């Protein structure tokens, strides 16, 4: 039994021990096929995202080798494809650019240190089982941030398509820089960038149908279409060689170091760490939320499950591996993971095989990329990130929740105007403020009995039966320090407006908790109502809440009763008017009994 428990514990922290026991030749074949397809897709993406992060292209390859191996050991998703992604690359550029200039050794050191800090933070959160912290980022905030980041990333790459030099850390500055230098557009670069962009857009939607018309099976056509970026890379390299475009001002990737990732050591400079820990935390949270969302979506399709806390450890290990192999922060990518899933990957070993493919590319293929136009990589980025821009969500949120719409728009606006870090912080801040505001004003309703039933509903929404001397109030939130004072004022206000009231019933079916402040307010309500000869009663109190109330003096001091059901409370108290009771026919005629 002890051995079984030990194996279960080891498997929890090393998921490879679980799926590795059933690994066979069939699974190996499927994983290797998926790895080939993802490798073909990942090579140009890695190069492009490294440039987006302000790093040499080869760093993208470095960040796509060891991190995939470590995630295969520690991760729980069978199909998540880890590596550089657009949003994290942009955040890396923003954070590293705040402490050093691009192209310097200090900038590279900052990127490596970001990966290490992010990895340590993720791993520590995983060991502490603190995955719930990601809930601080609501869907409107995440959606707004990703949309704004997509706009920023696409705008930042337009200069590469035009062959001009334009800076800017926020959207207005980027647009201003483009407007000021657009007259310097390089025609040869434009002749490469525009066709490459249009081709990649066509590949996303039109390549699969075209290949099917040529006779390929749907699945084969879909997988072949994923190689579109590689085709764009090959064609533009041939164009550079055929027309000598480098002599016409087309910017090329140039020499890419050949070989496996070097051993790198993150900085231990406390001053640098102090400047990077907040961006590293934001990168960790954003990366984790994006990764887990993708992993859970894909796992559900195969009726599998992931462990979010172990995912933190897996992503943490991947980022630490990236740091010590000369890479930068990584996370699970949506597009690559979907391709990995569709290609038939069955275990995380597919990611390890992808790492082998990237390593072979680093050893043997990098010389072939010398003449690759930077504009082609920019086109790859633009096409990839524009799919992140969601223009439907603002309208949907406006119709559904004005508060969530506000959080969404604030996140978009501040991210565009002030940068990615402030955008995330502002989004989280607005989301928390809106949550606190809503929690401080919980929903409560005066309820009455639906005729011929034992159900009670809001008097403003349904035709219900009430009696003047009984006021039934349903509370739809936990009673905490945030809303306790509001409830006290609400109850006293409602009773003040109804002189005939002799009994107040608090229907607590939706109350999951009553903290010390909530208890204090209940005591105050009890005393205030008692001074006015009004009884305070509770109904449908949940077991755990009642257990806590029993440990206090409140139930002894309560001037009314605690009823098991709202129907029993209403029926009994409707008869207690403080006056001689009317005949039974009176209640029968009104559906009260």
Protein backbone atom coordinates (compact mmCIF):
# COMPACT_ATOMS: atom_id res chain seq x y z
CA UNK A 1 0.00 0.00 0.00
CA UNK A 2 2.85 2.34 0.87
CA UNK A 3 4.54 1.58 -2.47
CA UNK A 4 1.29 2.34 -4.31
CA UNK A 5 0.92 5.66 -2.52
CA UNK A 6 4.54 6.51 -3.25
CA UNK A 7 4.06 5.73 -6.95
CA UNK A 8 0.90 7.86 -7.02
CA UNK A 9 2.75 10.75 -5.42
CA UNK A 10 5.63 10.47 -7.85
CA UNK A 11 3.21 10.29 -10.79
CA UNK A 12 1.48 13.44 -9.54
CA UNK A 13 4.75 15.39 -9.75
CA UNK A 14 6.17 13.45 -12.71
CA UNK A 15 3.22 12.78 -15.08
CA UNK A 16 5.63 11.10 -17.49
CA UNK A 17 5.62 8.10 -15.13
CA UNK A 18 1.88 7.72 -15.67
CA UNK A 19 1.59 7.94 -19.45
CA UNK A 20 5.01 6.37 -19.96
CA UNK A 21 3.80 3.02 -18.56
CA UNK A 22 1.39 2.55 -21.47
CA UNK A 23 3.63 3.94 -24.20
CA UNK A 24 3.80 1.68 -27.25
CA UNK A 25 4.77 1.66 -30.91
CA UNK A 26 1.41 2.95 -32.12
CA UNK A 27 1.54 5.95 -29.79
CA UNK A 28 5.16 6.54 -30.77
CA UNK A 29 4.19 6.69 -34.45
CA UNK A 30 1.40 9.18 -33.83
CA UNK A 31 3.59 11.37 -31.63
CA UNK A 32 6.41 11.43 -34.17
CA UNK A 33 4.07 12.36 -37.02
CA UNK A 34 2.64 15.22 -34.96
CA UNK A 35 6.15 16.32 -34.02
CA UNK A 36 7.22 16.57 -37.66
CA UNK A 37 4.26 18.82 -38.49
CA UNK A 38 4.70 21.03 -35.40
CA UNK A 39 8.45 21.31 -36.06
CA UNK A 40 7.81 22.59 -39.57
CA UNK A 41 5.40 25.15 -38.15
CA UNK A 42 7.56 26.10 -35.16
CA UNK A 43 10.81 26.90 -36.96
CA UNK A 44 9.62 30.10 -38.70
CA UNK A 45 7.47 31.03 -35.71
CA UNK A 46 10.38 30.72 -33.31
CA UNK A 47 12.57 32.93 -35.45
CA UNK A 48 9.78 35.50 -35.86
CA UNK A 49 8.81 35.65 -32.18
CA UNK A 50 12.44 36.06 -31.12
CA UNK A 51 12.68 39.12 -33.38
CA UNK A 52 9.43 40.38 -31.86
CA UNK A 53 11.04 40.04 -28.43
CA UNK A 54 13.97 42.13 -29.66
CA UNK A 55 16.33 39.14 -29.60
CA UNK A 56 18.47 37.40 -32.24
CA UNK A 57 16.37 34.90 -34.24
CA UNK A 58 18.37 31.94 -32.99
CA UNK A 59 17.14 32.61 -29.44
CA UNK A 60 13.69 31.54 -30.59
CA UNK A 61 15.16 28.17 -31.56
CA UNK A 62 16.94 27.89 -28.22
CA UNK A 63 13.64 28.54 -26.44
CA UNK A 64 12.04 25.70 -28.40
CA UNK A 65 14.32 22.83 -27.39
CA UNK A 66 14.94 22.17 -23.68
CA UNK A 67 11.65 23.79 -22.53
CA UNK A 68 9.70 21.23 -24.57
CA UNK A 69 11.64 18.37 -23.02
CA UNK A 70 11.07 19.60 -19.45
CA UNK A 71 7.38 20.16 -20.09
CA UNK A 72 7.10 16.61 -21.42
CA UNK A 73 8.39 15.40 -18.05
CA UNK A 74 6.38 17.65 -15.73
CA UNK A 75 3.33 18.78 -17.75
CA UNK A 76 -0.09 17.13 -17.58
CA UNK A 77 -1.55 18.12 -20.95
CA UNK A 78 -1.15 15.43 -23.60
CA UNK A 79 -1.25 17.89 -26.52
CA UNK A 80 -0.08 21.32 -25.29
CA UNK A 81 2.77 22.66 -27.45
CA UNK A 82 5.11 24.87 -25.40
CA UNK A 83 7.41 27.49 -26.88
CA UNK A 84 7.68 31.19 -27.74
CA UNK A 85 4.34 32.95 -28.28
CA UNK A 86 3.48 36.41 -29.56
CA UNK A 87 2.03 38.01 -26.42
CA UNK A 88 4.80 36.81 -24.11
CA UNK A 89 7.38 37.91 -26.69
CA UNK A 90 5.89 41.40 -26.69
CA UNK A 91 5.91 41.48 -22.88
CA UNK A 92 9.53 40.33 -22.89
CA UNK A 93 10.48 43.13 -25.26
CA UNK A 94 8.70 45.65 -23.06
CA UNK A 95 10.31 44.44 -19.83
CA UNK A 96 13.84 43.94 -21.18
CA UNK A 97 13.66 47.21 -23.13
CA UNK A 98 13.02 49.08 -19.88
CA UNK A 99 16.41 48.03 -18.47
CA UNK A 100 18.68 47.80 -21.54
CA UNK A 101 18.92 48.65 -25.22
CA UNK A 102 18.08 46.01 -27.81
CA UNK A 103 21.10 44.28 -29.27
CA UNK A 104 23.22 44.62 -26.13
CA UNK A 105 24.47 41.86 -23.86
CA UNK A 106 22.50 43.44 -21.02
CA UNK A 107 19.26 43.08 -23.01
CA UNK A 108 19.95 39.38 -23.59
CA UNK A 109 20.77 38.96 -19.92
CA UNK A 110 17.48 40.62 -18.97
CA UNK A 111 15.51 38.25 -21.24
CA UNK A 112 17.24 35.19 -19.77
CA UNK A 113 16.65 36.48 -16.24
CA UNK A 114 12.97 37.05 -17.03
CA UNK A 115 12.67 33.40 -18.05
CA UNK A 116 14.36 32.26 -14.84
CA UNK A 117 12.24 34.51 -12.61
CA UNK A 118 9.07 33.46 -14.39
CA UNK A 119 10.03 29.79 -14.07
CA UNK A 120 10.75 30.04 -10.36
CA UNK A 121 7.52 31.95 -9.72
CA UNK A 122 5.43 29.43 -11.63
CA UNK A 123 7.07 26.47 -9.91
CA UNK A 124 6.66 27.98 -6.44
CA UNK A 125 2.99 28.75 -7.13
CA UNK A 126 2.56 25.18 -8.30
CA UNK A 127 4.10 23.68 -5.17
CA UNK A 128 1.92 25.99 -3.07
CA UNK A 129 -1.14 24.84 -5.06
CA UNK A 130 -1.84 28.48 -5.88
CA UNK A 131 -3.20 28.10 -9.41
CA UNK A 132 -6.35 29.86 -8.26
CA UNK A 133 -4.43 33.17 -8.37
CA UNK A 134 -4.92 33.16 -12.13
CA UNK A 135 -8.60 33.83 -11.40
CA UNK A 136 -7.62 37.43 -10.66
CA UNK A 137 -7.66 37.88 -14.43
CA UNK A 138 -11.24 37.77 -15.60
CA UNK A 139 -12.18 36.79 -19.14
CA UNK A 140 -12.97 40.41 -20.18
CA UNK A 141 -9.55 41.52 -18.91
CA UNK A 142 -7.70 38.68 -20.65
CA UNK A 143 -9.66 39.20 -23.86
CA UNK A 144 -9.02 42.94 -23.81
CA UNK A 145 -5.32 42.50 -23.13
CA UNK A 146 -4.85 39.94 -25.91
CA UNK A 147 -6.79 42.09 -28.38
CA UNK A 148 -4.72 45.17 -27.57
CA UNK A 149 -1.51 43.14 -27.67
CA UNK A 150 -2.45 41.81 -31.09
CA UNK A 151 -2.96 45.36 -32.35
CA UNK A 152 0.37 46.50 -30.85
CA UNK A 153 2.28 43.53 -32.26
CA UNK A 154 0.82 43.88 -35.76
CA UNK A 155 1.50 47.63 -35.78
CA UNK A 156 5.08 47.11 -34.60
CA UNK A 157 5.77 44.82 -37.56
CA UNK A 158 4.44 47.13 -40.27
CA UNK A 159 7.82 48.91 -40.36
CA UNK A 160 9.49 45.64 -41.37
CA UNK A 161 6.99 45.19 -44.20
CA UNK A 162 7.73 48.72 -45.42
CA UNK A 163 11.47 48.51 -44.85
CA UNK A 164 11.62 51.64 -42.69
CA UNK A 165 12.88 52.52 -39.22
CA UNK A 166 10.10 53.54 -36.87
CA UNK A 167 10.04 53.25 -33.09
CA UNK A 168 7.47 53.64 -30.36
CA UNK A 169 6.53 51.78 -27.19
CA UNK A 170 2.79 52.45 -27.40
CA UNK A 171 0.25 52.62 -30.18
CA UNK A 172 0.18 56.41 -30.72
CA UNK A 173 3.99 56.53 -30.84
CA UNK A 174 4.10 53.60 -33.27
CA UNK A 175 1.56 55.22 -35.57
CA UNK A 176 3.40 58.54 -35.33
CA UNK A 177 6.70 56.86 -36.18
CA UNK A 178 5.18 55.12 -39.19
CA UNK A 179 3.60 58.34 -40.44
CA UNK A 180 6.89 60.23 -40.08
CA UNK A 181 8.99 57.70 -42.00
CA UNK A 182 6.56 56.16 -44.48
CA UNK A 183 8.09 58.25 -47.25
CA UNK A 184 11.29 56.19 -46.83
CA UNK A 185 9.51 52.95 -47.76
CA UNK A 186 11.82 50.51 -49.51
CA UNK A 187 10.09 49.25 -52.71
CA UNK A 188 12.01 45.97 -52.77
CA UNK A 189 11.12 45.20 -49.16
CA UNK A 190 7.49 46.10 -49.85
CA UNK A 191 7.56 43.76 -52.85
CA UNK A 192 8.55 40.94 -50.50
CA UNK A 193 6.42 41.87 -47.47
CA UNK A 194 3.04 42.47 -49.11
CA UNK A 195 2.93 39.23 -51.16
CA UNK A 196 4.21 37.21 -48.20
CA UNK A 197 1.48 38.65 -45.97
CA UNK A 198 -1.26 38.06 -48.54
CA UNK A 199 -0.01 34.53 -49.17
CA UNK A 200 -0.04 33.67 -45.46
CA UNK A 201 -3.54 35.10 -45.08
CA UNK A 202 -4.66 32.96 -48.01
CA UNK A 203 -2.98 29.88 -46.50
CA UNK A 204 -5.06 30.18 -43.34
CA UNK A 205 -8.38 29.95 -45.18
CA UNK A 206 -7.79 29.03 -48.80
CA UNK A 207 -4.97 26.49 -48.86
CA UNK A 208 -6.94 23.55 -47.51
CA UNK A 209 -9.83 23.83 -50.04
CA UNK A 210 -7.32 24.32 -52.85
CA UNK A 211 -5.36 21.23 -51.87
CA UNK A 212 -8.58 19.22 -51.60
CA UNK A 213 -9.49 20.25 -55.12
CA UNK A 214 -6.12 18.84 -56.19
CA UNK A 215 -7.17 15.47 -54.77
CA UNK A 216 -5.73 15.45 -51.26
CA UNK A 217 -7.80 14.01 -48.42
CA UNK A 218 -9.23 16.61 -46.03
CA UNK A 219 -6.91 15.72 -43.14
CA UNK A 220 -3.85 15.57 -45.39
CA UNK A 221 -4.78 18.89 -46.97
CA UNK A 222 -5.19 20.51 -43.57
CA UNK A 223 -1.83 19.28 -42.30
CA UNK A 224 -0.09 20.27 -45.52
CA UNK A 225 -1.56 23.77 -45.29
CA UNK A 226 0.16 24.20 -41.91
CA UNK A 227 3.47 24.25 -43.78
CA UNK A 228 2.45 27.53 -45.44
CA UNK A 229 4.95 29.65 -43.45
CA UNK A 230 7.79 27.34 -44.49
CA UNK A 231 6.76 27.77 -48.13
CA UNK A 232 6.77 31.55 -47.66
CA UNK A 233 10.26 31.35 -46.15
CA UNK A 234 11.58 29.23 -49.04
CA UNK A 235 10.03 31.39 -51.77
CA UNK A 236 11.25 34.68 -50.34
CA UNK A 237 14.76 33.31 -49.84
CA UNK A 238 14.76 32.26 -53.50
CA UNK A 239 13.48 35.71 -54.50
CA UNK A 240 16.35 37.37 -52.61
CA UNK A 241 18.89 35.16 -54.34
CA UNK A 242 17.32 35.47 -57.79
CA UNK A 243 16.97 39.25 -57.81
CA UNK A 244 19.85 40.20 -55.52
CA UNK A 245 17.39 42.00 -53.23
CA UNK A 246 19.87 42.48 -50.40
CA UNK A 247 21.70 44.96 -52.61
CA UNK A 248 18.40 46.85 -52.97
CA UNK A 249 18.05 47.41 -49.25
CA UNK A 250 16.05 44.35 -48.23
CA UNK A 251 16.94 43.57 -44.61
CA UNK A 252 17.97 39.94 -44.12
CA UNK A 253 18.16 37.75 -41.03
CA UNK A 254 21.84 37.18 -41.72
CA UNK A 255 24.12 34.67 -40.06
CA UNK A 256 22.43 32.50 -37.44
CA UNK A 257 24.77 30.67 -35.07
CA UNK A 258 24.88 26.98 -35.88
CA UNK A 259 24.71 24.49 -33.05
CA UNK A 260 22.86 23.48 -29.93
CA UNK A 261 21.80 25.99 -27.26
CA UNK A 262 24.64 27.27 -25.08
CA UNK A 263 24.66 27.02 -21.31
CA UNK A 264 23.53 30.35 -19.90
CA UNK A 265 23.29 31.68 -16.35
CA UNK A 266 20.60 34.17 -15.31
CA UNK A 267 21.72 37.32 -13.59
CA UNK A 268 21.97 37.43 -9.80
CA UNK A 269 22.15 41.22 -9.74
CA UNK A 270 19.57 42.20 -7.12
CA UNK A 271 19.07 45.62 -8.74
CA UNK A 272 18.14 43.98 -12.05
CA UNK A 273 15.92 41.40 -10.36
CA UNK A 274 14.14 44.19 -8.49
CA UNK A 275 13.29 45.85 -11.81
CA UNK A 276 12.21 42.62 -13.49
CA UNK A 277 10.20 40.73 -10.88
CA UNK A 278 6.91 42.55 -11.54
CA UNK A 279 7.09 42.04 -15.34
CA UNK A 280 8.12 38.42 -14.69
CA UNK A 281 5.06 37.91 -12.47
CA UNK A 282 2.76 39.38 -15.12
CA UNK A 283 4.37 37.20 -17.81
CA UNK A 284 3.88 34.18 -15.56
CA UNK A 285 0.20 34.87 -14.94
CA UNK A 286 -0.63 35.74 -18.55
CA UNK A 287 1.30 32.75 -19.84
CA UNK A 288 -0.29 30.40 -17.33
CA UNK A 289 -3.83 31.58 -18.06
CA UNK A 290 -3.32 31.28 -21.81
CA UNK A 291 -1.67 27.88 -21.49
CA UNK A 292 -4.24 26.36 -19.14
CA UNK A 293 -7.13 27.66 -21.24
CA UNK A 294 -5.73 25.93 -24.32
CA UNK A 295 -4.85 22.75 -22.42
CA UNK A 296 -8.29 22.43 -20.82
CA UNK A 297 -10.06 23.03 -24.14
CA UNK A 298 -8.09 20.33 -25.92
CA UNK A 299 -8.24 17.89 -22.99
CA UNK A 300 -12.03 18.15 -22.88
CA UNK A 301 -12.26 17.03 -26.52
CA UNK A 302 -10.67 13.69 -25.59
CA UNK A 303 -12.29 13.44 -22.15
CA UNK A 304 -8.93 13.89 -20.51
CA UNK A 305 -8.06 16.17 -17.62
CA UNK A 306 -5.19 18.40 -16.63
CA UNK A 307 -4.01 19.43 -13.18
CA UNK A 308 -3.68 23.25 -13.13
CA UNK A 309 -1.30 23.25 -10.15
CA UNK A 310 0.97 20.70 -11.81
CA UNK A 311 0.76 22.76 -15.01
CA UNK A 312 2.34 25.59 -13.02
CA UNK A 313 5.23 23.28 -12.17
CA UNK A 314 5.51 22.08 -15.78
CA UNK A 315 5.57 25.60 -17.20
CA UNK A 316 7.95 26.67 -14.44
CA UNK A 317 10.37 23.88 -15.34
CA UNK A 318 10.10 24.81 -19.03
CA UNK A 319 10.97 28.44 -18.33
CA UNK A 320 13.88 27.56 -16.06
CA UNK A 321 15.18 25.27 -18.81
CA UNK A 322 14.76 28.11 -21.31
CA UNK A 323 16.80 30.45 -19.10
CA UNK A 324 19.70 28.02 -18.69
CA UNK A 325 19.76 27.28 -22.44
CA UNK A 326 19.90 30.90 -23.60
CA UNK A 327 16.18 31.34 -24.26
CA UNK A 328 13.45 33.63 -23.00
CA UNK A 329 9.99 33.12 -21.40
CA UNK A 330 7.78 30.47 -23.01
CA UNK A 331 4.27 29.13 -22.57
CA UNK A 332 1.69 27.00 -24.35
CA UNK A 333 0.71 28.36 -27.76
CA UNK A 334 -2.84 28.10 -29.07
CA UNK A 335 -2.14 27.62 -32.77
CA UNK A 336 0.68 25.10 -32.28
CA UNK A 337 -1.30 23.14 -29.70
CA UNK A 338 -4.28 22.86 -32.02
CA UNK A 339 -2.00 21.65 -34.81
CA UNK A 340 -0.40 19.18 -32.41
CA UNK A 341 -3.85 17.93 -31.40
CA UNK A 342 -5.14 17.67 -34.96
CA UNK A 343 -1.96 15.92 -36.09
CA UNK A 344 -2.71 13.09 -33.68
CA UNK A 345 -0.31 13.69 -30.77
CA UNK A 346 -1.22 11.37 -27.90
CA UNK A 347 1.35 12.22 -25.21
CA UNK A 348 3.75 15.03 -24.25
CA UNK A 349 6.47 12.96 -25.90
CA UNK A 350 5.38 14.66 -29.14
CA UNK A 351 6.80 17.88 -27.66
CA UNK A 352 10.10 16.14 -26.87
CA UNK A 353 10.29 14.86 -30.45
CA UNK A 354 9.57 18.40 -31.67
CA UNK A 355 12.53 19.56 -29.56
CA UNK A 356 14.71 17.02 -31.36
CA UNK A 357 13.50 18.41 -34.70
CA UNK A 358 14.30 21.98 -33.65
CA UNK A 359 17.72 20.87 -32.39
CA UNK A 360 18.47 19.26 -35.76
CA UNK A 361 17.37 22.45 -37.49
CA UNK A 362 19.73 24.44 -35.25
CA UNK A 363 22.57 22.10 -36.16
CA UNK A 364 22.07 21.82 -39.90
CA UNK A 365 19.52 24.26 -41.34
CA UNK A 366 20.46 27.65 -39.96
CA UNK A 367 22.97 28.44 -42.76
CA UNK A 368 20.08 28.14 -45.23
CA UNK A 369 18.28 31.01 -43.46
CA UNK A 370 21.00 33.61 -44.04
CA UNK A 371 19.06 35.20 -46.93
CA UNK A 372 15.66 35.10 -45.23
CA UNK A 373 14.04 38.57 -45.40
CA UNK A 374 13.00 40.01 -42.05
CA UNK A 375 9.82 41.14 -43.83
CA UNK A 376 8.80 37.48 -44.20
CA UNK A 377 9.08 36.92 -40.47
CA UNK A 378 7.12 40.15 -39.90
CA UNK A 379 4.39 38.83 -42.20
CA UNK A 380 4.31 35.59 -40.21
CA UNK A 381 3.81 37.56 -36.99
CA UNK A 382 1.15 39.87 -38.41
CA UNK A 383 -0.94 37.00 -39.78
CA UNK A 384 -0.61 35.05 -36.53
CA UNK A 385 -1.52 37.89 -34.15
CA UNK A 386 -4.39 39.42 -36.09
CA UNK A 387 -6.34 36.28 -35.29
CA UNK A 388 -6.03 37.34 -31.63
CA UNK A 389 -7.87 40.61 -32.24
CA UNK A 390 -11.47 40.06 -31.17
CA UNK A 391 -13.84 42.79 -32.34
CA UNK A 392 -17.03 40.97 -31.34
CA UNK A 393 -16.46 40.78 -27.59
CA UNK A 394 -16.94 44.51 -26.80
CA UNK A 395 -20.45 44.50 -28.28
CA UNK A 396 -21.33 41.26 -26.53
CA UNK A 397 -20.10 42.56 -23.19
CA UNK A 398 -21.96 45.85 -23.62
CA UNK A 399 -25.21 43.95 -24.04
CA UNK A 400 -24.51 41.50 -21.24
CA UNK A 401 -22.63 43.42 -18.53
CA UNK A 402 -21.68 47.10 -18.53
CA UNK A 403 -19.20 46.47 -15.70
CA UNK A 404 -17.34 43.76 -17.64
CA UNK A 405 -17.44 45.98 -20.72
CA UNK A 406 -15.76 48.73 -18.71
CA UNK A 407 -12.98 46.37 -17.56
CA UNK A 408 -12.51 45.16 -21.14
CA UNK A 409 -12.30 48.64 -22.67
CA UNK A 410 -10.06 50.02 -19.91
CA UNK A 411 -7.65 47.12 -20.44
CA UNK A 412 -7.57 47.70 -24.21
CA UNK A 413 -7.18 51.46 -23.85
CA UNK A 414 -4.40 51.44 -21.26
CA UNK A 415 -2.52 48.63 -23.02
CA UNK A 416 -2.56 50.58 -26.29
CA UNK A 417 -1.72 53.91 -24.70
CA UNK A 418 0.62 53.00 -21.85
CA UNK A 419 2.03 49.56 -22.67
CA UNK A 420 1.43 45.94 -21.85
CA UNK A 421 2.46 45.94 -18.19
CA UNK A 422 0.27 48.85 -17.17
CA UNK A 423 -2.52 47.40 -19.29
CA UNK A 424 -2.53 44.14 -17.34
CA UNK A 425 -2.23 45.89 -13.98
CA UNK A 426 -5.03 48.29 -14.86
CA UNK A 427 -7.23 45.45 -16.08
CA UNK A 428 -6.73 43.49 -12.87
CA UNK A 429 -7.29 46.64 -10.80
CA UNK A 430 -10.50 47.57 -12.58
CA UNK A 431 -11.74 43.99 -12.40
CA UNK A 432 -11.12 43.83 -8.64
CA UNK A 433 -12.72 47.22 -8.04
CA UNK A 434 -15.81 46.20 -9.99
CA UNK A 435 -15.96 42.93 -8.09
CA UNK A 436 -15.70 44.75 -4.75
CA UNK A 437 -18.36 47.23 -5.83
CA UNK A 438 -20.74 44.43 -6.84
CA UNK A 439 -19.97 42.46 -3.68
CA UNK A 440 -20.67 45.52 -1.54
CA UNK A 441 -24.13 45.83 -3.06
CA UNK A 442 -25.41 42.25 -3.26
CA UNK A 443 -28.66 41.32 -4.89
CA UNK A 444 -31.55 40.96 -2.47
CA UNK A 445 -35.24 40.65 -3.27
CA UNK A 446 -38.55 40.83 -1.48
CA UNK A 447 -40.25 37.54 -2.20
CA UNK A 448 -43.73 36.08 -2.01
CA UNK A 449 -45.22 32.64 -2.48
CA UNK A 450 -46.21 31.49 -5.94
CA UNK A 451 -49.90 30.46 -5.65
CA UNK A 452 -50.55 26.74 -5.17
CA UNK A 453 -46.83 26.02 -4.69
CA UNK A 454 -44.19 26.12 -1.97
CA UNK A 455 -41.89 28.28 -4.10
CA UNK A 456 -41.01 31.91 -3.38
CA UNK A 457 -40.08 34.42 -6.05
CA UNK A 458 -39.30 38.12 -6.46
CA UNK A 459 -42.46 40.22 -6.10
CA UNK A 460 -41.28 42.47 -8.94
CA UNK A 461 -40.96 39.61 -11.42
CA UNK A 462 -43.80 37.25 -10.56
CA UNK A 463 -47.42 37.25 -9.47
CA UNK A 464 -47.01 36.07 -5.90
CA UNK A 465 -48.94 36.07 -2.65
CA UNK A 466 -47.82 38.19 0.32
CA UNK A 467 -49.34 39.40 3.59
CA UNK A 468 -48.81 42.91 4.97
CA UNK A 469 -47.39 41.92 8.35
CA UNK A 470 -44.71 39.50 7.00
CA UNK A 471 -41.72 40.75 4.99
CA UNK A 472 -39.68 38.01 3.29
CA UNK A 473 -36.26 39.05 2.01
CA UNK A 474 -34.11 36.68 -0.02
CA UNK A 475 -30.37 37.36 0.21
CA UNK A 476 -28.40 36.19 -2.83
CA UNK A 477 -24.82 36.62 -1.60
CA UNK A 478 -22.58 35.61 1.28
CA UNK A 479 -22.72 38.08 4.17
CA UNK A 480 -19.24 39.54 4.53
CA UNK A 481 -17.54 42.73 5.63
CA UNK A 482 -18.06 44.06 2.10
CA UNK A 483 -21.86 44.05 2.23
CA UNK A 484 -22.84 43.67 5.88
CA UNK A 485 -23.55 47.37 6.41
CA UNK A 486 -25.53 47.52 3.17
CA UNK A 487 -27.78 44.65 4.28
CA UNK A 488 -28.41 46.31 7.62
CA UNK A 489 -29.50 49.53 5.94
CA UNK A 490 -31.58 47.66 3.36
CA UNK A 491 -33.58 45.67 5.91
CA UNK A 492 -34.24 48.68 8.13
CA UNK A 493 -35.24 50.79 5.13
CA UNK A 494 -37.73 48.18 3.93
CA UNK A 495 -39.32 47.81 7.35
CA UNK A 496 -39.53 51.57 7.81
CA UNK A 497 -41.55 51.80 4.58
CA UNK A 498 -44.01 49.13 5.82
CA UNK A 499 -45.59 50.08 9.19
CA UNK A 500 -47.74 46.93 9.22
CA UNK A 501 -44.76 44.57 9.29
CA UNK A 502 -44.53 42.39 12.40
CA UNK A 503 -42.15 39.71 11.12
CA UNK A 504 -39.07 39.82 8.88
CA UNK A 505 -37.83 36.56 7.34
CA UNK A 506 -34.32 36.48 5.90
CA UNK A 507 -34.34 33.69 3.32
CA UNK A 508 -30.73 32.41 3.39
CA UNK A 509 -30.79 29.67 0.76
CA UNK A 510 -28.07 31.44 -1.27
CA UNK A 511 -25.92 32.47 1.71
CA UNK A 512 -22.81 30.29 1.75
CA UNK A 513 -20.92 32.21 4.42
CA UNK A 514 -21.46 34.71 7.20
CA UNK A 515 -18.23 36.28 8.43
CA UNK A 516 -17.71 38.21 11.66
CA UNK A 517 -18.88 41.50 10.11
CA UNK A 518 -21.97 39.81 8.68
CA UNK A 519 -22.74 38.33 12.10
CA UNK A 520 -22.37 41.74 13.72
CA UNK A 521 -24.85 43.22 11.25
CA UNK A 522 -27.33 40.41 11.89
CA UNK A 523 -27.06 41.13 15.60
CA UNK A 524 -27.63 44.83 14.95
CA UNK A 525 -30.65 44.06 12.74
CA UNK A 526 -32.03 41.77 15.44
CA UNK A 527 -31.74 44.44 18.12
CA UNK A 528 -33.11 47.25 15.95
CA UNK A 529 -36.10 45.19 14.83
CA UNK A 530 -36.69 43.98 18.39
CA UNK A 531 -36.85 47.59 19.58
CA UNK A 532 -39.68 48.08 17.09
CA UNK A 533 -41.53 44.93 18.19
CA UNK A 534 -40.63 43.17 14.92
CA UNK A 535 -39.46 39.58 14.94
CA UNK A 536 -36.39 38.56 12.95
CA UNK A 537 -36.49 35.02 11.52
CA UNK A 538 -34.13 32.99 9.35
CA UNK A 539 -35.08 30.30 6.86
CA UNK A 540 -33.23 27.70 4.80
CA UNK A 541 -29.89 28.32 6.52
CA UNK A 542 -27.23 26.01 5.11
CA UNK A 543 -25.60 23.46 7.39
CA UNK A 544 -22.07 24.88 7.52
CA UNK A 545 -23.45 28.39 8.13
CA UNK A 546 -25.70 27.10 10.92
CA UNK A 547 -22.78 25.27 12.49
CA UNK A 548 -20.89 28.53 12.81
CA UNK A 549 -23.92 30.42 14.13
CA UNK A 550 -24.34 27.78 16.84
CA UNK A 551 -20.89 28.62 18.13
CA UNK A 552 -22.05 32.19 18.90
CA UNK A 553 -24.68 33.79 21.15
CA UNK A 554 -26.69 35.01 18.17
CA UNK A 555 -29.22 32.19 18.13
CA UNK A 556 -29.84 32.65 21.87
CA UNK A 557 -30.49 36.37 21.39
CA UNK A 558 -32.54 36.01 18.19
CA UNK A 559 -36.03 37.38 18.86
CA UNK A 560 -37.56 35.09 16.22
CA UNK A 561 -37.03 31.55 14.96
CA UNK A 562 -34.93 29.60 12.50
CA UNK A 563 -37.11 27.67 10.04
CA UNK A 564 -36.10 24.71 7.92
CA UNK A 565 -38.01 26.03 4.90
CA UNK A 566 -39.29 29.38 3.71
CA UNK A 567 -42.74 27.90 3.15
CA UNK A 568 -43.01 26.76 6.76
CA UNK A 569 -41.84 30.15 8.01
CA UNK A 570 -44.29 32.05 5.84
CA UNK A 571 -47.23 29.78 6.68
CA UNK A 572 -46.65 29.98 10.44
CA UNK A 573 -45.90 33.67 10.63
CA UNK A 574 -48.74 34.66 8.30
CA UNK A 575 -51.10 33.52 11.05
CA UNK A 576 -49.32 35.53 13.73
CA UNK A 577 -50.55 39.09 13.28
CA UNK A 578 -50.47 40.00 16.92
CA UNK A 579 -54.28 40.16 16.72
CA UNK A 580 -57.01 37.49 17.07
CA UNK A 581 -56.61 35.09 14.12
CA UNK A 582 -59.21 35.20 11.32
CA UNK A 583 -61.16 32.08 10.42
CA UNK A 584 -59.51 29.27 8.48
CA UNK A 585 -61.57 30.16 5.38
CA UNK A 586 -59.63 33.41 5.23
CA UNK A 587 -56.37 31.51 4.60
CA UNK A 588 -57.93 28.99 2.24
CA UNK A 589 -59.35 31.74 0.05
CA UNK A 590 -55.92 33.30 -0.25
CA UNK A 591 -54.01 30.10 -0.99
CA UNK A 592 -52.02 30.37 2.24
CA UNK A 593 -52.79 26.85 3.45
